[in-house]
Amino acid sequence: MKNLALLATLVTGAILLYGTKDFAPWGDPGSPAATHLSPYYIENAVEQTHVPNLVTAVLGDYRGYDTMFETVVIYCAGMAVVSVLRRPKR
């Protein structure tokens, strides 16, 4: 059973690494995110959200649901760890 789990992990990791060959190089100023998305946020974030901090505007307003659900996932993971690691009362 452990060998099957190891094989599944290695195959999944190989597929994920194979998929990264299509990524833009790190820090590439010609990547789609740098040419289309970032200028929009920089130019319009303060006007549309009325938040003076650009990072807060993007995380709180543009990606609000994403940030909220990431927090829920982290909370659930923490509760799972606590429930697994707690000692039962005798």
C-alpha atoms as a PDB file:
ATOM      1  CA  MET A   1       0.000   0.000   0.000  1.00  0.00           C
ATOM      2  CA  LYS A   2       2.837   2.398   0.800  1.00  0.00           C
ATOM      3  CA  ASN A   3       4.434   1.675  -2.573  1.00  0.00           C
ATOM      4  CA  LEU A   4       1.188   2.574  -4.344  1.00  0.00           C
ATOM      5  CA  ALA A   5       0.955   5.843  -2.411  1.00  0.00           C
ATOM      6  CA  LEU A   6       4.580   6.657  -3.250  1.00  0.00           C
ATOM      7  CA  LEU A   7       3.967   5.914  -6.921  1.00  0.00           C
ATOM      8  CA  ALA A   8       0.843   8.098  -6.982  1.00  0.00           C
ATOM      9  CA  THR A   9       2.763  10.934  -5.306  1.00  0.00           C
ATOM     10  CA  LEU A  10       5.655  10.709  -7.752  1.00  0.00           C
ATOM     11  CA  VAL A  11       3.376  10.589 -10.790  1.00  0.00           C
ATOM     12  CA  THR A  12       1.354  13.565  -9.560  1.00  0.00           C
ATOM     13  CA  GLY A  13       4.528  15.526  -8.819  1.00  0.00           C
ATOM     14  CA  ALA A  14       5.932  14.729 -12.276  1.00  0.00           C
ATOM     15  CA  ILE A  15       2.727  15.923 -13.941  1.00  0.00           C
ATOM     16  CA  LEU A  16       2.756  19.151 -11.925  1.00  0.00           C
ATOM     17  CA  LEU A  17       6.403  19.811 -12.750  1.00  0.00           C
ATOM     18  CA  TYR A  18       5.739  19.089 -16.422  1.00  0.00           C
ATOM     19  CA  GLY A  19       2.975  21.709 -16.361  1.00  0.00           C
ATOM     20  CA  THR A  20       5.341  24.412 -15.137  1.00  0.00           C
ATOM     21  CA  LYS A  21       7.282  24.429 -18.408  1.00  0.00           C
ATOM     22  CA  ASP A  22       4.569  26.679 -19.872  1.00  0.00           C
ATOM     23  CA  PHE A  23       4.907  29.307 -17.140  1.00  0.00           C
ATOM     24  CA  ALA A  24       6.397  32.676 -17.988  1.00  0.00           C
ATOM     25  CA  PRO A  25       9.952  33.120 -16.671  1.00  0.00           C
ATOM     26  CA  TRP A  26      10.165  34.501 -13.130  1.00  0.00           C
ATOM     27  CA  GLY A  27      10.004  38.320 -13.177  1.00  0.00           C
ATOM     28  CA  ASP A  28       9.341  38.510 -16.919  1.00  0.00           C
ATOM     29  CA  PRO A  29       8.040  42.025 -17.679  1.00  0.00           C
ATOM     30  CA  GLY A  30       6.328  40.675 -20.801  1.00  0.00           C
ATOM     31  CA  SER A  31       4.207  38.098 -18.980  1.00  0.00           C
ATOM     32  CA  PRO A  32       0.409  38.452 -19.278  1.00  0.00           C
ATOM     33  CA  ALA A  33       0.040  39.359 -15.603  1.00  0.00           C
ATOM     34  CA  ALA A  34       2.610  42.145 -15.910  1.00  0.00           C
ATOM     35  CA  THR A  35       1.285  43.553 -19.185  1.00  0.00           C
ATOM     36  CA  HIS A  36      -2.491  43.335 -18.661  1.00  0.00           C
ATOM     37  CA  LEU A  37      -3.442  42.813 -15.030  1.00  0.00           C
ATOM     38  CA  SER A  38      -0.939  44.798 -12.979  1.00  0.00           C
ATOM     39  CA  PRO A  39      -1.334  48.093 -14.874  1.00  0.00           C
ATOM     40  CA  TYR A  40      -5.100  47.896 -14.448  1.00  0.00           C
ATOM     41  CA  TYR A  41      -4.814  47.421 -10.682  1.00  0.00           C
ATOM     42  CA  ILE A  42      -2.204  50.150 -10.337  1.00  0.00           C
ATOM     43  CA  GLU A  43      -4.221  52.675 -12.349  1.00  0.00           C
ATOM     44  CA  ASN A  44      -7.721  51.937 -11.019  1.00  0.00           C
ATOM     45  CA  ALA A  45      -7.480  50.423  -7.531  1.00  0.00           C
ATOM     46  CA  VAL A  46      -7.514  53.617  -5.480  1.00  0.00           C
ATOM     47  CA  GLU A  47     -10.263  55.179  -7.582  1.00  0.00           C
ATOM     48  CA  GLN A  48     -12.532  52.121  -7.546  1.00  0.00           C
ATOM     49  CA  THR A  49     -11.996  50.912  -3.980  1.00  0.00           C
ATOM     50  CA  HIS A  50     -11.211  54.166  -2.134  1.00  0.00           C
ATOM     51  CA  VAL A  51      -8.415  52.343  -0.288  1.00  0.00           C
ATOM     52  CA  PRO A  52      -5.062  54.185  -0.328  1.00  0.00           C
ATOM     53  CA  ASN A  53      -2.954  51.008   0.021  1.00  0.00           C
ATOM     54  CA  LEU A  54      -2.719  49.062  -3.244  1.00  0.00           C
ATOM     55  CA  VAL A  55      -2.083  45.674  -1.610  1.00  0.00           C
ATOM     56  CA  THR A  56      -5.042  46.072   0.733  1.00  0.00           C
ATOM     57  CA  ALA A  57      -7.252  47.156  -2.163  1.00  0.00           C
ATOM     58  CA  VAL A  58      -6.386  44.091  -4.224  1.00  0.00           C
ATOM     59  CA  LEU A  59      -6.666  41.584  -1.360  1.00  0.00           C
ATOM     60  CA  GLY A  60      -9.700  43.114   0.314  1.00  0.00           C
ATOM     61  CA  ASP A  61     -11.807  44.294  -2.600  1.00  0.00           C
ATOM     62  CA  TYR A  62     -10.799  42.600  -5.818  1.00  0.00           C
ATOM     63  CA  ARG A  63      -9.974  39.230  -4.237  1.00  0.00           C
ATOM     64  CA  GLY A  64     -12.225  39.443  -1.187  1.00  0.00           C
ATOM     65  CA  TYR A  65     -14.002  36.109  -1.602  1.00  0.00           C
ATOM     66  CA  ASP A  66     -10.774  34.342  -2.459  1.00  0.00           C
ATOM     67  CA  THR A  67      -9.094  35.725   0.668  1.00  0.00           C
ATOM     68  CA  MET A  68     -12.114  34.845   2.824  1.00  0.00           C
ATOM     69  CA  PHE A  69     -12.230  31.246   1.634  1.00  0.00           C
ATOM     70  CA  GLU A  70      -8.458  30.858   2.008  1.00  0.00           C
ATOM     71  CA  THR A  71      -8.922  31.888   5.636  1.00  0.00           C
ATOM     72  CA  VAL A  72     -11.706  29.310   6.044  1.00  0.00           C
ATOM     73  CA  VAL A  73      -9.475  26.583   4.587  1.00  0.00           C
ATOM     74  CA  ILE A  74      -6.633  27.496   6.970  1.00  0.00           C
ATOM     75  CA  TYR A  75      -9.069  27.469   9.907  1.00  0.00           C
ATOM     76  CA  CYS A  76     -10.405  24.031   8.922  1.00  0.00           C
ATOM     77  CA  ALA A  77      -6.873  22.679   8.539  1.00  0.00           C
ATOM     78  CA  GLY A  78      -5.989  24.015  11.986  1.00  0.00           C
ATOM     79  CA  MET A  79      -9.063  22.425  13.515  1.00  0.00           C
ATOM     80  CA  ALA A  80      -8.201  19.107  11.845  1.00  0.00           C
ATOM     81  CA  VAL A  81      -4.651  19.243  13.246  1.00  0.00           C
ATOM     82  CA  VAL A  82      -5.948  20.063  16.722  1.00  0.00           C
ATOM     83  CA  SER A  83      -8.485  17.249  16.609  1.00  0.00           C
ATOM     84  CA  VAL A  84      -5.878  14.727  15.435  1.00  0.00           C
ATOM     85  CA  LEU A  85      -3.181  15.749  17.900  1.00  0.00           C
ATOM     86  CA  ARG A  86      -5.280  16.201  21.035  1.00  0.00           C
ATOM     87  CA  ARG A  87      -5.007  13.692  23.833  1.00  0.00           C
ATOM     88  CA  PRO A  88      -8.163  11.933  24.910  1.00  0.00           C
ATOM     89  CA  LYS A  89      -9.180  12.370  28.550  1.00  0.00           C
ATOM     90  CA  ARG A  90      -8.908   9.198  30.608  1.00  0.00           C
END
